[in-house]
Each structure stands twice: as structure tokens, then as C-alpha cells.
N, C-alpha and C. Protein backbone atom coordinates (compact mmCIF):
# COMPACT_ATOMS: atom_id res chain seq x y z
N MET A 1 0.82 -1.20 0.00
CA MET A 1 0.00 0.00 0.00
C MET A 1 0.86 1.26 0.00
N LEU A 2 1.96 1.22 0.77
CA LEU A 2 2.81 2.40 0.82
C LEU A 2 3.50 2.65 -0.52
N MET A 3 3.75 1.58 -1.29
CA MET A 3 4.38 1.72 -2.61
C MET A 3 3.41 2.32 -3.62
N LEU A 4 2.12 2.13 -3.41
CA LEU A 4 1.12 2.62 -4.36
C LEU A 4 0.62 4.02 -4.04
N SER A 5 0.77 4.46 -2.80
CA SER A 5 0.27 5.78 -2.41
C SER A 5 1.17 6.87 -2.94
N ARG A 6 0.56 7.84 -3.58
CA ARG A 6 1.29 8.99 -4.12
C ARG A 6 0.94 10.24 -3.34
N SER A 7 1.61 11.33 -3.66
CA SER A 7 1.29 12.58 -2.98
C SER A 7 -0.15 12.98 -3.34
N GLY A 8 -0.81 13.58 -2.41
CA GLY A 8 -2.19 13.98 -2.63
C GLY A 8 -3.17 12.86 -2.37
N GLY A 9 -2.70 11.69 -1.91
CA GLY A 9 -3.58 10.59 -1.59
C GLY A 9 -3.98 9.73 -2.77
N ARG A 10 -3.42 9.99 -3.97
CA ARG A 10 -3.76 9.20 -5.15
C ARG A 10 -3.14 7.80 -5.05
N VAL A 11 -3.83 6.82 -5.56
CA VAL A 11 -3.30 5.46 -5.66
C VAL A 11 -3.18 5.14 -7.13
N GLU A 12 -1.93 5.03 -7.59
CA GLU A 12 -1.71 4.78 -9.01
C GLU A 12 -0.34 4.16 -9.22
N GLY A 13 -0.25 3.11 -9.95
CA GLY A 13 1.00 2.49 -10.36
C GLY A 13 2.01 2.26 -9.25
N ILE A 14 2.89 1.33 -9.50
CA ILE A 14 3.92 0.99 -8.52
C ILE A 14 5.09 1.95 -8.67
N ASN A 15 5.59 2.42 -7.56
CA ASN A 15 6.82 3.19 -7.53
C ASN A 15 7.97 2.18 -7.55
N TYR A 16 8.61 2.00 -8.70
CA TYR A 16 9.61 0.96 -8.85
C TYR A 16 10.84 1.19 -7.97
N TYR A 17 11.09 2.41 -7.58
CA TYR A 17 12.19 2.65 -6.65
C TYR A 17 11.91 2.02 -5.30
N ALA A 18 10.65 1.85 -4.97
CA ALA A 18 10.29 1.21 -3.71
C ALA A 18 10.70 -0.26 -3.71
N LEU A 19 10.92 -0.85 -4.88
CA LEU A 19 11.40 -2.23 -4.93
C LEU A 19 12.81 -2.35 -4.36
N LEU A 20 13.54 -1.25 -4.33
CA LEU A 20 14.85 -1.27 -3.68
C LEU A 20 14.70 -1.58 -2.19
N ILE A 21 13.56 -1.22 -1.63
CA ILE A 21 13.29 -1.56 -0.23
C ILE A 21 13.18 -3.08 -0.07
N VAL A 22 12.59 -3.74 -1.05
CA VAL A 22 12.49 -5.21 -1.02
C VAL A 22 13.88 -5.82 -1.03
N VAL A 23 14.75 -5.31 -1.89
CA VAL A 23 16.14 -5.80 -1.94
C VAL A 23 16.82 -5.54 -0.61
N ALA A 24 16.61 -4.35 -0.04
CA ALA A 24 17.20 -4.02 1.25
C ALA A 24 16.71 -4.99 2.34
N CYS A 25 15.45 -5.34 2.30
CA CYS A 25 14.90 -6.28 3.30
C CYS A 25 15.54 -7.66 3.18
N ILE A 26 15.77 -8.10 1.95
CA ILE A 26 16.43 -9.40 1.74
C ILE A 26 17.85 -9.37 2.31
N LEU A 27 18.57 -8.30 2.00
CA LEU A 27 19.93 -8.18 2.52
C LEU A 27 19.92 -8.02 4.04
N TYR A 28 18.95 -7.31 4.55
CA TYR A 28 18.82 -7.10 5.97
C TYR A 28 18.57 -8.43 6.70
N GLY A 29 17.67 -9.23 6.17
CA GLY A 29 17.39 -10.54 6.77
C GLY A 29 18.60 -11.45 6.71
N SER A 30 19.32 -11.41 5.60
CA SER A 30 20.56 -12.20 5.49
C SER A 30 21.57 -11.75 6.54
N ASN A 31 21.69 -10.44 6.74
CA ASN A 31 22.61 -9.90 7.73
C ASN A 31 22.24 -10.38 9.14
N LEU A 32 20.95 -10.34 9.47
CA LEU A 32 20.51 -10.80 10.79
C LEU A 32 20.90 -12.25 11.04
N ASN A 33 20.60 -13.09 10.08
CA ASN A 33 20.91 -14.51 10.24
C ASN A 33 22.41 -14.76 10.26
N PHE A 34 23.17 -13.98 9.48
CA PHE A 34 24.62 -14.12 9.48
C PHE A 34 25.19 -13.76 10.85
N ILE A 35 24.72 -12.66 11.42
CA ILE A 35 25.20 -12.25 12.75
C ILE A 35 24.84 -13.28 13.81
N LYS A 36 23.62 -13.78 13.76
CA LYS A 36 23.15 -14.69 14.81
C LYS A 36 23.76 -16.08 14.71
N PHE A 37 23.91 -16.59 13.48
CA PHE A 37 24.29 -17.99 13.35
C PHE A 37 25.69 -18.25 12.81
N LYS A 38 26.30 -17.32 12.12
CA LYS A 38 27.62 -17.56 11.53
C LYS A 38 28.75 -16.90 12.29
N ILE A 39 28.51 -15.75 12.89
CA ILE A 39 29.57 -15.06 13.63
C ILE A 39 29.13 -14.79 15.07
N ALA A 40 28.44 -15.74 15.64
CA ALA A 40 27.91 -15.59 16.99
C ALA A 40 29.01 -15.50 18.04
N ASP A 41 30.20 -16.01 17.72
CA ASP A 41 31.30 -15.99 18.69
C ASP A 41 32.01 -14.64 18.77
N LEU A 42 31.74 -13.74 17.82
CA LEU A 42 32.34 -12.41 17.86
C LEU A 42 31.49 -11.46 18.71
N SER A 43 32.15 -10.51 19.35
CA SER A 43 31.42 -9.55 20.18
C SER A 43 30.69 -8.54 19.29
N SER A 44 29.69 -7.90 19.87
CA SER A 44 28.93 -6.88 19.13
C SER A 44 29.83 -5.72 18.74
N LEU A 45 30.77 -5.37 19.60
CA LEU A 45 31.70 -4.28 19.31
C LEU A 45 32.60 -4.64 18.13
N THR A 46 33.05 -5.87 18.07
CA THR A 46 33.90 -6.31 16.95
C THR A 46 33.11 -6.28 15.64
N ILE A 47 31.90 -6.77 15.65
CA ILE A 47 31.08 -6.79 14.44
C ILE A 47 30.83 -5.36 13.96
N THR A 48 30.50 -4.46 14.88
CA THR A 48 30.25 -3.07 14.52
C THR A 48 31.51 -2.41 13.98
N SER A 49 32.64 -2.65 14.64
CA SER A 49 33.91 -2.05 14.21
C SER A 49 34.29 -2.51 12.81
N VAL A 50 34.16 -3.79 12.54
CA VAL A 50 34.50 -4.31 11.21
C VAL A 50 33.54 -3.76 10.15
N ALA A 51 32.26 -3.67 10.48
CA ALA A 51 31.28 -3.13 9.53
C ALA A 51 31.62 -1.68 9.17
N MET A 52 31.94 -0.87 10.18
CA MET A 52 32.29 0.53 9.92
C MET A 52 33.61 0.62 9.14
N LEU A 53 34.55 -0.26 9.45
CA LEU A 53 35.84 -0.26 8.75
C LEU A 53 35.66 -0.64 7.28
N LEU A 54 34.82 -1.61 7.01
CA LEU A 54 34.62 -2.07 5.63
C LEU A 54 33.87 -1.05 4.77
N ILE A 55 32.99 -0.27 5.37
CA ILE A 55 32.23 0.70 4.59
C ILE A 55 33.01 1.99 4.39
N SER A 56 34.02 2.23 5.21
CA SER A 56 34.79 3.48 5.14
C SER A 56 35.42 3.75 3.78
N PRO A 57 36.09 2.79 3.13
CA PRO A 57 36.68 3.11 1.82
C PRO A 57 35.64 3.53 0.78
N LEU A 58 34.48 2.89 0.79
CA LEU A 58 33.43 3.29 -0.14
C LEU A 58 32.93 4.71 0.16
N ALA A 59 32.75 5.01 1.44
CA ALA A 59 32.27 6.34 1.83
C ALA A 59 33.29 7.41 1.46
N PHE A 60 34.56 7.16 1.76
CA PHE A 60 35.59 8.14 1.44
C PHE A 60 35.79 8.26 -0.07
N GLY A 61 35.70 7.15 -0.78
CA GLY A 61 35.80 7.19 -2.24
C GLY A 61 34.71 8.05 -2.85
N TYR A 62 33.50 7.89 -2.36
CA TYR A 62 32.39 8.70 -2.86
C TYR A 62 32.59 10.17 -2.47
N LEU A 63 32.95 10.40 -1.21
CA LEU A 63 33.10 11.76 -0.71
C LEU A 63 34.14 12.55 -1.49
N PHE A 64 35.32 11.95 -1.70
CA PHE A 64 36.40 12.67 -2.37
C PHE A 64 36.36 12.54 -3.89
N GLY A 65 35.72 11.51 -4.40
CA GLY A 65 35.72 11.30 -5.85
C GLY A 65 34.51 11.83 -6.59
N PHE A 66 33.37 11.93 -5.92
CA PHE A 66 32.14 12.27 -6.63
C PHE A 66 31.39 13.48 -6.06
N THR A 67 31.99 14.18 -5.11
CA THR A 67 31.36 15.38 -4.56
C THR A 67 32.36 16.53 -4.57
N ASP A 68 31.87 17.71 -4.29
CA ASP A 68 32.76 18.88 -4.21
C ASP A 68 33.09 19.19 -2.74
N PHE A 69 33.30 18.12 -1.97
CA PHE A 69 33.56 18.23 -0.54
C PHE A 69 34.77 19.12 -0.25
N THR A 70 35.90 18.87 -0.88
CA THR A 70 37.11 19.63 -0.56
C THR A 70 36.95 21.11 -0.90
N GLN A 71 36.30 21.40 -2.01
CA GLN A 71 36.10 22.80 -2.38
C GLN A 71 35.18 23.50 -1.38
N ARG A 72 34.11 22.87 -1.03
CA ARG A 72 33.17 23.47 -0.06
C ARG A 72 33.81 23.56 1.32
N PHE A 73 34.56 22.55 1.68
CA PHE A 73 35.18 22.51 3.00
C PHE A 73 36.18 23.65 3.16
N SER A 74 36.87 24.00 2.09
CA SER A 74 37.87 25.06 2.18
C SER A 74 37.28 26.45 1.99
N SER A 75 36.07 26.56 1.46
CA SER A 75 35.53 27.88 1.17
C SER A 75 34.40 28.32 2.09
N HIS A 76 33.80 27.44 2.83
CA HIS A 76 32.69 27.82 3.71
C HIS A 76 33.19 28.00 5.14
N PRO A 77 32.82 29.10 5.79
CA PRO A 77 33.33 29.38 7.13
C PRO A 77 32.84 28.39 8.21
N GLY A 78 31.65 27.84 8.07
CA GLY A 78 31.13 26.92 9.08
C GLY A 78 31.38 25.46 8.77
N ALA A 79 32.32 25.19 7.87
CA ALA A 79 32.55 23.82 7.43
C ALA A 79 33.06 22.92 8.55
N TRP A 80 33.98 23.41 9.35
CA TRP A 80 34.52 22.57 10.43
C TRP A 80 33.44 22.21 11.45
N GLN A 81 32.60 23.19 11.77
CA GLN A 81 31.52 22.93 12.71
C GLN A 81 30.54 21.91 12.13
N ALA A 82 30.17 22.08 10.87
CA ALA A 82 29.27 21.13 10.22
C ALA A 82 29.90 19.74 10.16
N PHE A 83 31.18 19.68 9.87
CA PHE A 83 31.89 18.40 9.82
C PHE A 83 31.87 17.73 11.19
N GLY A 84 32.03 18.53 12.24
CA GLY A 84 31.96 17.98 13.60
C GLY A 84 30.60 17.38 13.90
N TYR A 85 29.54 18.04 13.44
CA TYR A 85 28.19 17.51 13.65
C TYR A 85 27.98 16.21 12.87
N ILE A 86 28.55 16.15 11.68
CA ILE A 86 28.41 14.93 10.88
C ILE A 86 29.15 13.78 11.54
N VAL A 87 30.34 14.05 12.07
CA VAL A 87 31.09 13.02 12.79
C VAL A 87 30.31 12.56 14.02
N LEU A 88 29.75 13.51 14.74
CA LEU A 88 28.94 13.17 15.91
C LEU A 88 27.73 12.33 15.52
N LEU A 89 27.06 12.72 14.45
CA LEU A 89 25.92 11.95 13.95
C LEU A 89 26.34 10.54 13.57
N GLY A 90 27.46 10.42 12.88
CA GLY A 90 27.94 9.10 12.48
C GLY A 90 28.29 8.23 13.66
N MET A 91 28.92 8.84 14.68
CA MET A 91 29.33 8.05 15.84
C MET A 91 28.14 7.67 16.70
N LEU A 92 27.25 8.60 16.95
CA LEU A 92 26.14 8.32 17.86
C LEU A 92 24.99 7.61 17.16
N SER A 93 24.60 8.11 16.03
CA SER A 93 23.43 7.52 15.37
C SER A 93 23.77 6.23 14.65
N THR A 94 24.85 6.21 13.93
CA THR A 94 25.16 5.03 13.13
C THR A 94 25.92 3.97 13.92
N ALA A 95 27.07 4.33 14.46
CA ALA A 95 27.90 3.34 15.14
C ALA A 95 27.23 2.82 16.41
N LEU A 96 26.71 3.71 17.23
CA LEU A 96 26.07 3.28 18.47
C LEU A 96 24.81 2.47 18.19
N ALA A 97 24.01 2.93 17.23
CA ALA A 97 22.79 2.19 16.90
C ALA A 97 23.14 0.81 16.33
N THR A 98 24.17 0.72 15.51
CA THR A 98 24.60 -0.57 14.97
C THR A 98 25.08 -1.48 16.09
N TYR A 99 25.85 -0.94 17.02
CA TYR A 99 26.32 -1.73 18.16
C TYR A 99 25.13 -2.27 18.96
N LEU A 100 24.19 -1.39 19.29
CA LEU A 100 23.03 -1.81 20.08
C LEU A 100 22.18 -2.84 19.33
N PHE A 101 22.06 -2.64 18.02
CA PHE A 101 21.31 -3.60 17.23
C PHE A 101 22.00 -4.97 17.22
N ASN A 102 23.32 -4.98 17.02
CA ASN A 102 24.07 -6.24 17.04
C ASN A 102 23.95 -6.92 18.40
N ARG A 103 23.95 -6.13 19.44
CA ARG A 103 23.77 -6.67 20.79
C ARG A 103 22.37 -7.29 20.94
N LEU A 104 21.36 -6.61 20.41
CA LEU A 104 19.99 -7.12 20.46
C LEU A 104 19.88 -8.44 19.70
N VAL A 105 20.53 -8.55 18.56
CA VAL A 105 20.50 -9.80 17.79
C VAL A 105 21.13 -10.92 18.60
N LYS A 106 22.20 -10.64 19.30
CA LYS A 106 22.89 -11.67 20.07
C LYS A 106 22.08 -12.16 21.27
N ILE A 107 21.31 -11.27 21.89
CA ILE A 107 20.58 -11.68 23.10
C ILE A 107 19.15 -12.10 22.83
N SER A 108 18.70 -11.97 21.58
CA SER A 108 17.33 -12.36 21.25
C SER A 108 17.35 -13.18 19.96
N THR A 109 16.20 -13.32 19.36
CA THR A 109 16.11 -14.05 18.10
C THR A 109 16.18 -13.07 16.93
N PRO A 110 16.60 -13.53 15.75
CA PRO A 110 16.59 -12.64 14.59
C PRO A 110 15.20 -12.12 14.27
N LEU A 111 14.17 -12.92 14.50
CA LEU A 111 12.81 -12.48 14.23
C LEU A 111 12.43 -11.29 15.10
N PHE A 112 12.74 -11.38 16.39
CA PHE A 112 12.42 -10.26 17.29
C PHE A 112 13.22 -9.01 16.91
N ALA A 113 14.51 -9.18 16.65
CA ALA A 113 15.35 -8.03 16.30
C ALA A 113 14.87 -7.36 15.01
N SER A 114 14.47 -8.17 14.04
CA SER A 114 13.98 -7.58 12.79
C SER A 114 12.62 -6.93 12.98
N SER A 115 11.83 -7.45 13.90
CA SER A 115 10.51 -6.86 14.16
C SER A 115 10.63 -5.43 14.68
N VAL A 116 11.68 -5.18 15.45
CA VAL A 116 11.90 -3.83 15.96
C VAL A 116 12.06 -2.86 14.80
N THR A 117 12.76 -3.28 13.75
CA THR A 117 13.03 -2.38 12.63
C THR A 117 11.83 -2.23 11.70
N TYR A 118 10.87 -3.11 11.78
CA TYR A 118 9.67 -2.93 10.97
C TYR A 118 8.90 -1.68 11.41
N LEU A 119 9.13 -1.27 12.63
CA LEU A 119 8.44 -0.09 13.15
C LEU A 119 9.11 1.21 12.71
N MET A 120 10.30 1.13 12.10
CA MET A 120 11.01 2.34 11.67
C MET A 120 10.20 3.17 10.68
N PRO A 121 9.52 2.57 9.68
CA PRO A 121 8.71 3.41 8.79
C PRO A 121 7.61 4.17 9.51
N VAL A 122 7.05 3.57 10.55
CA VAL A 122 6.01 4.24 11.31
C VAL A 122 6.61 5.45 12.02
N VAL A 123 7.77 5.29 12.62
CA VAL A 123 8.44 6.40 13.29
C VAL A 123 8.82 7.48 12.27
N ALA A 124 9.30 7.07 11.09
CA ALA A 124 9.66 8.03 10.05
C ALA A 124 8.45 8.84 9.60
N VAL A 125 7.31 8.19 9.48
CA VAL A 125 6.08 8.90 9.09
C VAL A 125 5.67 9.89 10.18
N MET A 126 5.84 9.49 11.42
CA MET A 126 5.50 10.41 12.51
C MET A 126 6.40 11.65 12.47
N TRP A 127 7.69 11.46 12.18
CA TRP A 127 8.59 12.62 12.02
C TRP A 127 8.11 13.48 10.85
N GLY A 128 7.67 12.84 9.78
CA GLY A 128 7.16 13.59 8.65
C GLY A 128 5.94 14.42 9.01
N MET A 129 5.07 13.85 9.85
CA MET A 129 3.89 14.60 10.29
C MET A 129 4.31 15.83 11.10
N LEU A 130 5.33 15.66 11.94
CA LEU A 130 5.83 16.81 12.70
C LEU A 130 6.42 17.87 11.78
N ASP A 131 6.88 17.43 10.60
CA ASP A 131 7.47 18.35 9.62
C ASP A 131 6.42 18.93 8.68
N GLY A 132 5.15 18.56 8.88
CA GLY A 132 4.08 19.15 8.09
C GLY A 132 3.60 18.31 6.92
N GLU A 133 4.07 17.08 6.76
CA GLU A 133 3.57 16.22 5.68
C GLU A 133 2.16 15.77 6.00
N GLN A 134 1.39 15.54 4.94
CA GLN A 134 0.02 15.08 5.11
C GLN A 134 -0.04 13.57 4.89
N LEU A 135 -0.87 12.91 5.67
CA LEU A 135 -1.08 11.48 5.54
C LEU A 135 -2.47 11.23 4.97
N TYR A 136 -2.55 10.19 4.15
CA TYR A 136 -3.81 9.83 3.53
C TYR A 136 -4.16 8.39 3.90
N THR A 137 -5.31 7.94 3.48
CA THR A 137 -5.82 6.62 3.85
C THR A 137 -4.83 5.51 3.55
N GLY A 138 -4.19 5.54 2.38
CA GLY A 138 -3.22 4.50 2.02
C GLY A 138 -2.06 4.41 2.99
N HIS A 139 -1.63 5.55 3.49
CA HIS A 139 -0.55 5.55 4.46
C HIS A 139 -0.97 4.85 5.76
N TYR A 140 -2.17 5.16 6.22
CA TYR A 140 -2.65 4.53 7.45
C TYR A 140 -2.85 3.02 7.26
N VAL A 141 -3.35 2.62 6.10
CA VAL A 141 -3.53 1.19 5.82
C VAL A 141 -2.17 0.50 5.83
N GLY A 142 -1.18 1.10 5.20
CA GLY A 142 0.17 0.53 5.17
C GLY A 142 0.78 0.41 6.55
N MET A 143 0.64 1.45 7.37
CA MET A 143 1.18 1.40 8.73
C MET A 143 0.47 0.34 9.57
N THR A 144 -0.83 0.22 9.38
CA THR A 144 -1.58 -0.81 10.11
C THR A 144 -1.11 -2.20 9.70
N ALA A 145 -0.84 -2.39 8.40
CA ALA A 145 -0.34 -3.68 7.92
C ALA A 145 1.02 -3.99 8.53
N ILE A 146 1.88 -2.99 8.65
CA ILE A 146 3.21 -3.21 9.24
C ILE A 146 3.08 -3.62 10.70
N VAL A 147 2.34 -2.85 11.47
CA VAL A 147 2.18 -3.15 12.89
C VAL A 147 1.48 -4.50 13.07
N GLY A 148 0.47 -4.79 12.24
CA GLY A 148 -0.21 -6.09 12.31
C GLY A 148 0.72 -7.24 11.99
N GLY A 149 1.58 -7.05 11.00
CA GLY A 149 2.55 -8.09 10.65
C GLY A 149 3.55 -8.34 11.77
N VAL A 150 4.00 -7.28 12.41
CA VAL A 150 4.91 -7.43 13.55
C VAL A 150 4.21 -8.19 14.68
N TYR A 151 2.96 -7.85 14.93
CA TYR A 151 2.21 -8.55 15.97
C TYR A 151 2.06 -10.04 15.64
N LEU A 152 1.64 -10.35 14.41
CA LEU A 152 1.45 -11.75 14.03
C LEU A 152 2.75 -12.53 14.06
N ALA A 153 3.86 -11.92 13.65
CA ALA A 153 5.13 -12.63 13.63
C ALA A 153 5.65 -12.93 15.04
N ASN A 154 5.33 -12.08 15.99
CA ASN A 154 5.87 -12.25 17.36
C ASN A 154 4.89 -12.91 18.32
N ARG A 155 3.69 -13.17 17.87
CA ARG A 155 2.68 -13.77 18.73
C ARG A 155 3.03 -15.24 18.95
N ARG A 156 2.77 -15.72 20.14
CA ARG A 156 3.10 -17.12 20.46
C ARG A 156 2.00 -18.05 20.02
């Protein structure tokens, strides 16, 4: 339903970019099972550290190769402060959240850990509402389906 809902509440055609979410879910599920069953002997901190280390070359390659980062960094007066905020965001939001998530996978089941993340779209929509976005019937139906699916998957 969320893939079919357009701005203004119209329901028309599939947004094919939303299929990338399906691919992300497949990779996400593979990651959960890999953490739980293949590298269970590694600590959550080790898994997080290696993940951040492996993604760093791609991030730096993109940053320095495909953006005007160096030019903007040298010409804007608030660049160092903005860079500090980005580092803080990366450390607290990304690294800490990844560590806590890996810890959750280790102490629970992959199904429970993945169920927590199914609620992320609902939280994102709530942030959108605070930012002034409008919600329509299709959005509510989609959120209800997500919450219902999480309930059914975790019910005994």
C-alpha cells in the first residue's frame, strides 16, 4: 500500500524505486541470520567495528571522488563545525545504533530483532507529520499492515 500511495492521496502504479526496499529487506534478513548464526562468537563491538571499517573506503571514495567536498570545505566558514556535527551523527546515530542492534540480535532471536526495525517506517512517518507532511488513507492502511505483521510474527 505504501508503494502505491502517491502525494495527494492518489493510488496509481507501482513506484519501482520502492522495490529497492524489497532488496534491502532481503539483505537485511541475510545480515541478521549471518550475525546470529555464523559469527555468533564475535562480540557486538567487533562486528560493529569491522562493519564501519569495511564501509569506510566506499564512503571516502564517494566523498572525495564524486562530490565537491574539498572545495566546499575550504571555502565555507562553518565547514569545520558542520563536519563535527556529521562526525557526531555518524558516531552516535550510526555506530552506536549498529552496536546496540548487534547486541539485540545476540541476546534475542533474529525475528524479534527484525521486528523492531519494521516499526522504523512508522516512526519516520511520525517525524514527517511533525514536519508538516500530510497522511492519507493508504498511508494509514500501510502502517496498520506493518504493525499487524509485527504482531502476528511475534505472537506465540
